[in-house]
């Protein structure tokens, strides 16, 4: 069993460290999804107002980038979940 030193001086196992990272990734994915929803609403509002039309493409670009992030983080989360499952199975 490989151990990793934590900031507090506590010893964390590799599994603990992976689970901590997975938790942070899932939190980022949650906020990313929320941002996508907010950006989609914003895009609709901007596209409906003539005085904001010049920003429509910029908002659209931000929305696309947020979608790209979401698409990238999903397989990363899956990879962490698989490794955690593998490590748990190995310790049983």
PDB file of N, CA and C in Angstrom:
ATOM      1  N   UNK A   1       0.855  -1.186   0.000  1.00  0.00           N
ATOM      2  CA  UNK A   1       0.000   0.000   0.000  1.00  0.00           C
ATOM      3  C   UNK A   1       0.889   1.233   0.000  1.00  0.00           C
ATOM      4  N   UNK A   2       0.701   2.089  -1.003  1.00  0.00           N
ATOM      5  CA  UNK A   2       1.492   3.309  -1.138  1.00  0.00           C
ATOM      6  C   UNK A   2       0.839   4.421  -0.333  1.00  0.00           C
ATOM      7  N   UNK A   3       1.644   5.170   0.421  1.00  0.00           N
ATOM      8  CA  UNK A   3       1.112   6.263   1.224  1.00  0.00           C
ATOM      9  C   UNK A   3       1.587   7.600   0.672  1.00  0.00           C
ATOM     10  N   UNK A   4       0.750   8.607   0.826  1.00  0.00           N
ATOM     11  CA  UNK A   4       1.049   9.961   0.380  1.00  0.00           C
ATOM     12  C   UNK A   4       0.905  10.867   1.593  1.00  0.00           C
ATOM     13  N   UNK A   5       1.860  11.772   1.779  1.00  0.00           N
ATOM     14  CA  UNK A   5       1.788  12.684   2.917  1.00  0.00           C
ATOM     15  C   UNK A   5       0.796  13.806   2.622  1.00  0.00           C
ATOM     16  N   UNK A   6      -0.067  14.073   3.551  1.00  0.00           N
ATOM     17  CA  UNK A   6      -1.027  15.167   3.421  1.00  0.00           C
ATOM     18  C   UNK A   6      -0.444  16.413   4.079  1.00  0.00           C
ATOM     19  N   UNK A   7      -1.033  17.548   3.799  1.00  0.00           N
ATOM     20  CA  UNK A   7      -0.549  18.808   4.343  1.00  0.00           C
ATOM     21  C   UNK A   7      -0.564  18.829   5.870  1.00  0.00           C
ATOM     22  N   UNK A   8      -1.552  18.208   6.460  1.00  0.00           N
ATOM     23  CA  UNK A   8      -1.693  18.244   7.911  1.00  0.00           C
ATOM     24  C   UNK A   8      -0.723  17.301   8.618  1.00  0.00           C
ATOM     25  N   UNK A   9       0.092  16.595   7.869  1.00  0.00           N
ATOM     26  CA  UNK A   9       0.997  15.641   8.475  1.00  0.00           C
ATOM     27  C   UNK A   9       0.373  14.258   8.593  1.00  0.00           C
ATOM     28  N   UNK A  10      -0.891  14.128   8.215  1.00  0.00           N
ATOM     29  CA  UNK A  10      -1.545  12.827   8.217  1.00  0.00           C
ATOM     30  C   UNK A  10      -1.075  12.046   6.999  1.00  0.00           C
ATOM     31  N   UNK A  11      -1.074  10.733   7.132  1.00  0.00           N
ATOM     32  CA  UNK A  11      -0.694   9.889   6.003  1.00  0.00           C
ATOM     33  C   UNK A  11      -1.964   9.461   5.275  1.00  0.00           C
ATOM     34  N   UNK A  12      -2.002   9.723   3.977  1.00  0.00           N
ATOM     35  CA  UNK A  12      -3.140   9.320   3.155  1.00  0.00           C
ATOM     36  C   UNK A  12      -2.709   8.182   2.255  1.00  0.00           C
ATOM     37  N   UNK A  13      -3.599   7.254   2.070  1.00  0.00           N
ATOM     38  CA  UNK A  13      -3.321   6.172   1.132  1.00  0.00           C
ATOM     39  C   UNK A  13      -3.524   6.692  -0.284  1.00  0.00           C
ATOM     40  N   UNK A  14      -3.053   5.945  -1.239  1.00  0.00           N
ATOM     41  CA  UNK A  14      -3.271   6.290  -2.641  1.00  0.00           C
ATOM     42  C   UNK A  14      -4.760   6.360  -2.917  1.00  0.00           C
ATOM     43  N   UNK A  15      -5.506   5.426  -2.369  1.00  0.00           N
ATOM     44  CA  UNK A  15      -6.963   5.410  -2.549  1.00  0.00           C
ATOM     45  C   UNK A  15      -7.594   6.685  -1.997  1.00  0.00           C
ATOM     46  N   UNK A  16      -7.166   7.099  -0.808  1.00  0.00           N
ATOM     47  CA  UNK A  16      -7.686   8.343  -0.222  1.00  0.00           C
ATOM     48  C   UNK A  16      -7.398   9.533  -1.127  1.00  0.00           C
ATOM     49  N   UNK A  17      -6.185   9.605  -1.637  1.00  0.00           N
ATOM     50  CA  UNK A  17      -5.793  10.714  -2.505  1.00  0.00           C
ATOM     51  C   UNK A  17      -6.614  10.712  -3.795  1.00  0.00           C
ATOM     52  N   UNK A  18      -6.833   9.527  -4.363  1.00  0.00           N
ATOM     53  CA  UNK A  18      -7.641   9.428  -5.578  1.00  0.00           C
ATOM     54  C   UNK A  18      -9.084   9.850  -5.310  1.00  0.00           C
ATOM     55  N   UNK A  19      -9.619   9.423  -4.170  1.00  0.00           N
ATOM     56  CA  UNK A  19     -10.999   9.786  -3.828  1.00  0.00           C
ATOM     57  C   UNK A  19     -11.133  11.293  -3.603  1.00  0.00           C
ATOM     58  N   UNK A  20     -10.134  11.903  -2.984  1.00  0.00           N
ATOM     59  CA  UNK A  20     -10.150  13.355  -2.795  1.00  0.00           C
ATOM     60  C   UNK A  20     -10.148  14.081  -4.135  1.00  0.00           C
ATOM     61  N   UNK A  21      -9.294  13.629  -5.033  1.00  0.00           N
ATOM     62  CA  UNK A  21      -9.222  14.243  -6.361  1.00  0.00           C
ATOM     63  C   UNK A  21     -10.531  14.044  -7.113  1.00  0.00           C
ATOM     64  N   UNK A  22     -11.087  12.849  -7.043  1.00  0.00           N
ATOM     65  CA  UNK A  22     -12.362  12.565  -7.706  1.00  0.00           C
ATOM     66  C   UNK A  22     -13.453  13.485  -7.176  1.00  0.00           C
ATOM     67  N   UNK A  23     -13.474  13.685  -5.899  1.00  0.00           N
ATOM     68  CA  UNK A  23     -14.469  14.570  -5.291  1.00  0.00           C
ATOM     69  C   UNK A  23     -14.336  15.984  -5.846  1.00  0.00           C
ATOM     70  N   UNK A  24     -13.111  16.479  -5.959  1.00  0.00           N
ATOM     71  CA  UNK A  24     -12.895  17.825  -6.501  1.00  0.00           C
ATOM     72  C   UNK A  24     -13.293  17.894  -7.971  1.00  0.00           C
ATOM     73  N   UNK A  25     -12.986  16.846  -8.726  1.00  0.00           N
ATOM     74  CA  UNK A  25     -13.361  16.812 -10.145  1.00  0.00           C
ATOM     75  C   UNK A  25     -14.873  16.830 -10.315  1.00  0.00           C
ATOM     76  N   UNK A  26     -15.568  16.057  -9.489  1.00  0.00           N
ATOM     77  CA  UNK A  26     -17.029  16.026  -9.568  1.00  0.00           C
ATOM     78  C   UNK A  26     -17.623  17.386  -9.211  1.00  0.00           C
ATOM     79  N   UNK A  27     -17.027  18.055  -8.253  1.00  0.00           N
ATOM     80  CA  UNK A  27     -17.485  19.393  -7.894  1.00  0.00           C
ATOM     81  C   UNK A  27     -17.297  20.355  -9.075  1.00  0.00           C
ATOM     82  N   UNK A  28     -16.138  20.269  -9.731  1.00  0.00           N
ATOM     83  CA  UNK A  28     -15.890  21.111 -10.904  1.00  0.00           C
ATOM     84  C   UNK A  28     -16.884  20.807 -12.021  1.00  0.00           C
ATOM     85  N   UNK A  29     -17.190  19.534 -12.226  1.00  0.00           N
ATOM     86  CA  UNK A  29     -18.147  19.144 -13.261  1.00  0.00           C
ATOM     87  C   UNK A  29     -19.529  19.710 -12.943  1.00  0.00           C
ATOM     88  N   UNK A  30     -19.902  19.668 -11.682  1.00  0.00           N
ATOM     89  CA  UNK A  30     -21.200  20.219 -11.265  1.00  0.00           C
ATOM     90  C   UNK A  30     -21.271  21.713 -11.579  1.00  0.00           C
ATOM     91  N   UNK A  31     -20.239  22.457 -11.181  1.00  0.00           N
ATOM     92  CA  UNK A  31     -20.235  23.894 -11.444  1.00  0.00           C
ATOM     93  C   UNK A  31     -20.159  24.178 -12.942  1.00  0.00           C
ATOM     94  N   UNK A  32     -19.467  23.332 -13.667  1.00  0.00           N
ATOM     95  CA  UNK A  32     -19.382  23.486 -15.112  1.00  0.00           C
ATOM     96  C   UNK A  32     -20.756  23.347 -15.751  1.00  0.00           C
ATOM     97  N   UNK A  33     -21.503  22.343 -15.321  1.00  0.00           N
ATOM     98  CA  UNK A  33     -22.856  22.139 -15.856  1.00  0.00           C
ATOM     99  C   UNK A  33     -23.748  23.330 -15.528  1.00  0.00           C
ATOM    100  N   UNK A  34     -23.624  23.843 -14.319  1.00  0.00           N
ATOM    101  CA  UNK A  34     -24.390  25.029 -13.927  1.00  0.00           C
ATOM    102  C   UNK A  34     -24.013  26.215 -14.809  1.00  0.00           C
ATOM    103  N   UNK A  35     -22.721  26.378 -15.086  1.00  0.00           N
ATOM    104  CA  UNK A  35     -22.269  27.466 -15.959  1.00  0.00           C
ATOM    105  C   UNK A  35     -22.832  27.313 -17.364  1.00  0.00           C
ATOM    106  N   UNK A  36     -22.877  26.090 -17.860  1.00  0.00           N
ATOM    107  CA  UNK A  36     -23.431  25.848 -19.197  1.00  0.00           C
ATOM    108  C   UNK A  36     -24.888  26.301 -19.241  1.00  0.00           C
ATOM    109  N   UNK A  37     -25.653  25.944 -18.231  1.00  0.00           N
ATOM    110  CA  UNK A  37     -27.057  26.325 -18.183  1.00  0.00           C
ATOM    111  C   UNK A  37     -27.218  27.844 -18.120  1.00  0.00           C
ATOM    112  N   UNK A  38     -26.397  28.498 -17.296  1.00  0.00           N
ATOM    113  CA  UNK A  38     -26.463  29.956 -17.176  1.00  0.00           C
ATOM    114  C   UNK A  38     -26.026  30.631 -18.471  1.00  0.00           C
ATOM    115  N   UNK A  39     -25.000  30.109 -19.104  1.00  0.00           N
ATOM    116  CA  UNK A  39     -24.527  30.681 -20.366  1.00  0.00           C
ATOM    117  C   UNK A  39     -25.550  30.507 -21.480  1.00  0.00           C
ATOM    118  N   UNK A  40     -26.222  29.376 -21.506  1.00  0.00           N
ATOM    119  CA  UNK A  40     -27.257  29.154 -22.519  1.00  0.00           C
ATOM    120  C   UNK A  40     -28.386  30.170 -22.350  1.00  0.00           C
ATOM    121  N   UNK A  41     -28.783  30.421 -21.117  1.00  0.00           N
ATOM    122  CA  UNK A  41     -29.812  31.425 -20.837  1.00  0.00           C
ATOM    123  C   UNK A  41     -29.327  32.810 -21.243  1.00  0.00           C
ATOM    124  N   UNK A  42     -28.091  33.116 -20.892  1.00  0.00           N
ATOM    125  CA  UNK A  42     -27.504  34.407 -21.253  1.00  0.00           C
ATOM    126  C   UNK A  42     -27.445  34.571 -22.770  1.00  0.00           C
ATOM    127  N   UNK A  43     -27.051  33.520 -23.472  1.00  0.00           N
ATOM    128  CA  UNK A  43     -26.967  33.574 -24.928  1.00  0.00           C
ATOM    129  C   UNK A  43     -28.329  33.915 -25.528  1.00  0.00           C
ATOM    130  N   UNK A  44     -29.379  33.283 -25.005  1.00  0.00           N
ATOM    131  CA  UNK A  44     -30.734  33.574 -25.493  1.00  0.00           C
ATOM    132  C   UNK A  44     -31.110  35.034 -25.249  1.00  0.00           C
ATOM    133  N   UNK A  45     -30.800  35.515 -24.065  1.00  0.00           N
ATOM    134  CA  UNK A  45     -31.108  36.912 -23.733  1.00  0.00           C
ATOM    135  C   UNK A  45     -30.348  37.872 -24.639  1.00  0.00           C
ATOM    136  N   UNK A  46     -29.071  37.617 -24.842  1.00  0.00           N
ATOM    137  CA  UNK A  46     -28.232  38.482 -25.673  1.00  0.00           C
ATOM    138  C   UNK A  46     -28.722  38.452 -27.118  1.00  0.00           C
ATOM    139  N   UNK A  47     -29.068  37.275 -27.609  1.00  0.00           N
ATOM    140  CA  UNK A  47     -29.490  37.154 -29.005  1.00  0.00           C
ATOM    141  C   UNK A  47     -30.844  37.815 -29.269  1.00  0.00           C
ATOM    142  N   UNK A  48     -31.650  37.985 -28.224  1.00  0.00           N
ATOM    143  CA  UNK A  48     -32.966  38.600 -28.375  1.00  0.00           C
ATOM    144  C   UNK A  48     -32.939  40.131 -28.314  1.00  0.00           C
ATOM    145  N   UNK A  49     -31.854  40.698 -27.826  1.00  0.00           N
ATOM    146  CA  UNK A  49     -31.768  42.151 -27.673  1.00  0.00           C
ATOM    147  C   UNK A  49     -30.842  42.739 -28.730  1.00  0.00           C
ATOM    148  N   UNK A  50     -31.423  43.583 -29.569  1.00  0.00           N
ATOM    149  CA  UNK A  50     -30.648  44.199 -30.653  1.00  0.00           C
ATOM    150  C   UNK A  50     -29.403  44.911 -30.150  1.00  0.00           C
ATOM    151  N   UNK A  51     -29.534  45.605 -29.033  1.00  0.00           N
ATOM    152  CA  UNK A  51     -28.401  46.386 -28.512  1.00  0.00           C
ATOM    153  C   UNK A  51     -27.262  45.503 -27.999  1.00  0.00           C
ATOM    154  N   UNK A  52     -27.504  44.206 -27.868  1.00  0.00           N
ATOM    155  CA  UNK A  52     -26.463  43.290 -27.397  1.00  0.00           C
ATOM    156  C   UNK A  52     -26.021  42.303 -28.470  1.00  0.00           C
ATOM    157  N   UNK A  53     -26.559  42.419 -29.664  1.00  0.00           N
ATOM    158  CA  UNK A  53     -26.272  41.469 -30.748  1.00  0.00           C
ATOM    159  C   UNK A  53     -24.768  41.298 -30.997  1.00  0.00           C
ATOM    160  N   UNK A  54     -23.997  42.374 -30.828  1.00  0.00           N
ATOM    161  CA  UNK A  54     -22.562  42.292 -31.110  1.00  0.00           C
ATOM    162  C   UNK A  54     -21.842  41.342 -30.146  1.00  0.00           C
ATOM    163  N   UNK A  55     -22.477  40.992 -29.033  1.00  0.00           N
ATOM    164  CA  UNK A  55     -21.864  40.096 -28.044  1.00  0.00           C
ATOM    165  C   UNK A  55     -22.299  38.651 -28.208  1.00  0.00           C
ATOM    166  N   UNK A  56     -23.234  38.415 -29.080  1.00  0.00           N
ATOM    167  CA  UNK A  56     -23.787  37.067 -29.246  1.00  0.00           C
ATOM    168  C   UNK A  56     -22.704  36.040 -29.585  1.00  0.00           C
ATOM    169  N   UNK A  57     -21.836  36.355 -30.532  1.00  0.00           N
ATOM    170  CA  UNK A  57     -20.781  35.419 -30.924  1.00  0.00           C
ATOM    171  C   UNK A  57     -19.793  35.176 -29.788  1.00  0.00           C
ATOM    172  N   UNK A  58     -19.516  36.211 -29.020  1.00  0.00           N
ATOM    173  CA  UNK A  58     -18.586  36.064 -27.889  1.00  0.00           C
ATOM    174  C   UNK A  58     -19.175  35.147 -26.814  1.00  0.00           C
ATOM    175  N   UNK A  59     -20.444  35.347 -26.503  1.00  0.00           N
ATOM    176  CA  UNK A  59     -21.112  34.490 -25.515  1.00  0.00           C
ATOM    177  C   UNK A  59     -21.165  33.059 -26.033  1.00  0.00           C
ATOM    178  N   UNK A  60     -21.452  32.923 -27.320  1.00  0.00           N
ATOM    179  CA  UNK A  60     -21.488  31.598 -27.938  1.00  0.00           C
ATOM    180  C   UNK A  60     -20.131  30.902 -27.814  1.00  0.00           C
ATOM    181  N   UNK A  61     -19.055  31.635 -28.006  1.00  0.00           N
ATOM    182  CA  UNK A  61     -17.701  31.068 -27.896  1.00  0.00           C
ATOM    183  C   UNK A  61     -17.411  30.604 -26.460  1.00  0.00           C
ATOM    184  N   UNK A  62     -17.819  31.411 -25.499  1.00  0.00           N
ATOM    185  CA  UNK A  62     -17.633  31.023 -24.092  1.00  0.00           C
ATOM    186  C   UNK A  62     -18.438  29.760 -23.790  1.00  0.00           C
ATOM    187  N   UNK A  63     -19.665  29.707 -24.288  1.00  0.00           N
ATOM    188  CA  UNK A  63     -20.511  28.525 -24.092  1.00  0.00           C
ATOM    189  C   UNK A  63     -19.868  27.288 -24.714  1.00  0.00           C
ATOM    190  N   UNK A  64     -19.308  27.429 -25.905  1.00  0.00           N
ATOM    191  CA  UNK A  64     -18.624  26.302 -26.554  1.00  0.00           C
ATOM    192  C   UNK A  64     -17.431  25.830 -25.726  1.00  0.00           C
ATOM    193  N   UNK A  65     -16.668  26.770 -25.207  1.00  0.00           N
ATOM    194  CA  UNK A  65     -15.503  26.406 -24.386  1.00  0.00           C
ATOM    195  C   UNK A  65     -15.922  25.700 -23.105  1.00  0.00           C
ATOM    196  N   UNK A  66     -17.008  26.172 -22.497  1.00  0.00           N
ATOM    197  CA  UNK A  66     -17.498  25.522 -21.283  1.00  0.00           C
ATOM    198  C   UNK A  66     -17.965  24.109 -21.596  1.00  0.00           C
ATOM    199  N   UNK A  67     -18.610  23.923 -22.740  1.00  0.00           N
ATOM    200  CA  UNK A  67     -19.026  22.589 -23.178  1.00  0.00           C
ATOM    201  C   UNK A  67     -17.812  21.693 -23.406  1.00  0.00           C
ATOM    202  N   UNK A  68     -16.753  22.248 -23.988  1.00  0.00           N
ATOM    203  CA  UNK A  68     -15.529  21.477 -24.211  1.00  0.00           C
ATOM    204  C   UNK A  68     -14.933  21.025 -22.881  1.00  0.00           C
ATOM    205  N   UNK A  69     -14.932  21.917 -21.901  1.00  0.00           N
ATOM    206  CA  UNK A  69     -14.444  21.546 -20.572  1.00  0.00           C
ATOM    207  C   UNK A  69     -15.264  20.398 -20.006  1.00  0.00           C
ATOM    208  N   UNK A  70     -16.588  20.519 -20.104  1.00  0.00           N
ATOM    209  CA  UNK A  70     -17.487  19.478 -19.585  1.00  0.00           C
ATOM    210  C   UNK A  70     -17.219  18.144 -20.277  1.00  0.00           C
ATOM    211  N   UNK A  71     -17.043  18.188 -21.585  1.00  0.00           N
ATOM    212  CA  UNK A  71     -16.769  16.966 -22.346  1.00  0.00           C
ATOM    213  C   UNK A  71     -15.420  16.369 -21.989  1.00  0.00           C
ATOM    214  N   UNK A  72     -14.470  17.205 -21.600  1.00  0.00           N
ATOM    215  CA  UNK A  72     -13.135  16.721 -21.227  1.00  0.00           C
ATOM    216  C   UNK A  72     -13.089  16.162 -19.815  1.00  0.00           C
ATOM    217  N   UNK A  73     -13.828  16.766 -18.911  1.00  0.00           N
ATOM    218  CA  UNK A  73     -13.753  16.333 -17.513  1.00  0.00           C
ATOM    219  C   UNK A  73     -14.516  15.031 -17.285  1.00  0.00           C
ATOM    220  N   UNK A  74     -15.538  14.763 -18.095  1.00  0.00           N
ATOM    221  CA  UNK A  74     -16.345  13.550 -17.920  1.00  0.00           C
ATOM    222  C   UNK A  74     -15.516  12.268 -18.039  1.00  0.00           C
ATOM    223  N   UNK A  75     -14.692  12.097 -19.089  1.00  0.00           N
ATOM    224  CA  UNK A  75     -13.882  10.880 -19.145  1.00  0.00           C
ATOM    225  C   UNK A  75     -12.784  10.841 -18.070  1.00  0.00           C
ATOM    226  N   UNK A  76     -12.333  12.011 -17.630  1.00  0.00           N
ATOM    227  CA  UNK A  76     -11.347  12.051 -16.550  1.00  0.00           C
ATOM    228  C   UNK A  76     -11.962  11.521 -15.260  1.00  0.00           C
ATOM    229  N   UNK A  77     -13.183  11.929 -14.983  1.00  0.00           N
ATOM    230  CA  UNK A  77     -13.899  11.422 -13.807  1.00  0.00           C
ATOM    231  C   UNK A  77     -14.083   9.910 -13.919  1.00  0.00           C
ATOM    232  N   UNK A  78     -14.467   9.447 -15.091  1.00  0.00           N
ATOM    233  CA  UNK A  78     -14.662   8.014 -15.300  1.00  0.00           C
ATOM    234  C   UNK A  78     -13.364   7.238 -15.067  1.00  0.00           C
ATOM    235  N   UNK A  79     -12.247   7.797 -15.504  1.00  0.00           N
ATOM    236  CA  UNK A  79     -10.954   7.134 -15.312  1.00  0.00           C
ATOM    237  C   UNK A  79     -10.619   7.033 -13.826  1.00  0.00           C
ATOM    238  N   UNK A  80     -10.869   8.095 -13.088  1.00  0.00           N
ATOM    239  CA  UNK A  80     -10.624   8.055 -11.637  1.00  0.00           C
ATOM    240  C   UNK A  80     -11.550   7.032 -10.964  1.00  0.00           C
ATOM    241  N   UNK A  81     -12.816   7.006 -11.371  1.00  0.00           N
ATOM    242  CA  UNK A  81     -13.751   6.045 -10.786  1.00  0.00           C
ATOM    243  C   UNK A  81     -13.316   4.610 -11.056  1.00  0.00           C
ATOM    244  N   UNK A  82     -12.842   4.346 -12.261  1.00  0.00           N
ATOM    245  CA  UNK A  82     -12.355   2.999 -12.590  1.00  0.00           C
ATOM    246  C   UNK A  82     -11.154   2.617 -11.743  1.00  0.00           C
ATOM    247  N   UNK A  83     -10.216   3.548 -11.584  1.00  0.00           N
ATOM    248  CA  UNK A  83      -9.014   3.252 -10.788  1.00  0.00           C
ATOM    249  C   UNK A  83      -9.385   3.038  -9.328  1.00  0.00           C
ATOM    250  N   UNK A  84     -10.298   3.821  -8.804  1.00  0.00           N
ATOM    251  CA  UNK A  84     -10.737   3.638  -7.421  1.00  0.00           C
ATOM    252  C   UNK A  84     -11.402   2.279  -7.256  1.00  0.00           C
ATOM    253  N   UNK A  85     -12.241   1.908  -8.183  1.00  0.00           N
ATOM    254  CA  UNK A  85     -12.883   0.591  -8.132  1.00  0.00           C
ATOM    255  C   UNK A  85     -11.854  -0.536  -8.174  1.00  0.00           C
ATOM    256  N   UNK A  86     -10.847  -0.352  -9.034  1.00  0.00           N
ATOM    257  CA  UNK A  86      -9.791  -1.368  -9.145  1.00  0.00           C
ATOM    258  C   UNK A  86      -9.028  -1.501  -7.835  1.00  0.00           C
ATOM    259  N   UNK A  87      -8.671  -0.376  -7.230  1.00  0.00           N
ATOM    260  CA  UNK A  87      -7.928  -0.409  -5.972  1.00  0.00           C
ATOM    261  C   UNK A  87      -8.773  -0.999  -4.838  1.00  0.00           C
ATOM    262  N   UNK A  88     -10.056  -0.657  -4.811  1.00  0.00           N
ATOM    263  CA  UNK A  88     -10.939  -1.214  -3.774  1.00  0.00           C
ATOM    264  C   UNK A  88     -11.050  -2.732  -3.930  1.00  0.00           C
ATOM    265  N   UNK A  89     -11.188  -3.188  -5.166  1.00  0.00           N
ATOM    266  CA  UNK A  89     -11.295  -4.622  -5.429  1.00  0.00           C
ATOM    267  C   UNK A  89     -10.014  -5.353  -5.041  1.00  0.00           C
ATOM    268  N   UNK A  90      -8.887  -4.701  -5.261  1.00  0.00           N
ATOM    269  CA  UNK A  90      -7.589  -5.307  -4.945  1.00  0.00           C
ATOM    270  C   UNK A  90      -7.368  -5.441  -3.447  1.00  0.00           C
ATOM    271  N   UNK A  91      -7.997  -4.576  -2.664  1.00  0.00           N
ATOM    272  CA  UNK A  91      -7.820  -4.613  -1.203  1.00  0.00           C
ATOM    273  C   UNK A  91      -8.830  -5.519  -0.512  1.00  0.00           C
ATOM    274  N   UNK A  92      -9.821  -5.997  -1.258  1.00  0.00           N
ATOM    275  CA  UNK A  92     -10.833  -6.869  -0.649  1.00  0.00           C
ATOM    276  C   UNK A  92     -10.399  -8.316  -0.653  1.00  0.00           C
TER     277      UNK A  92
END
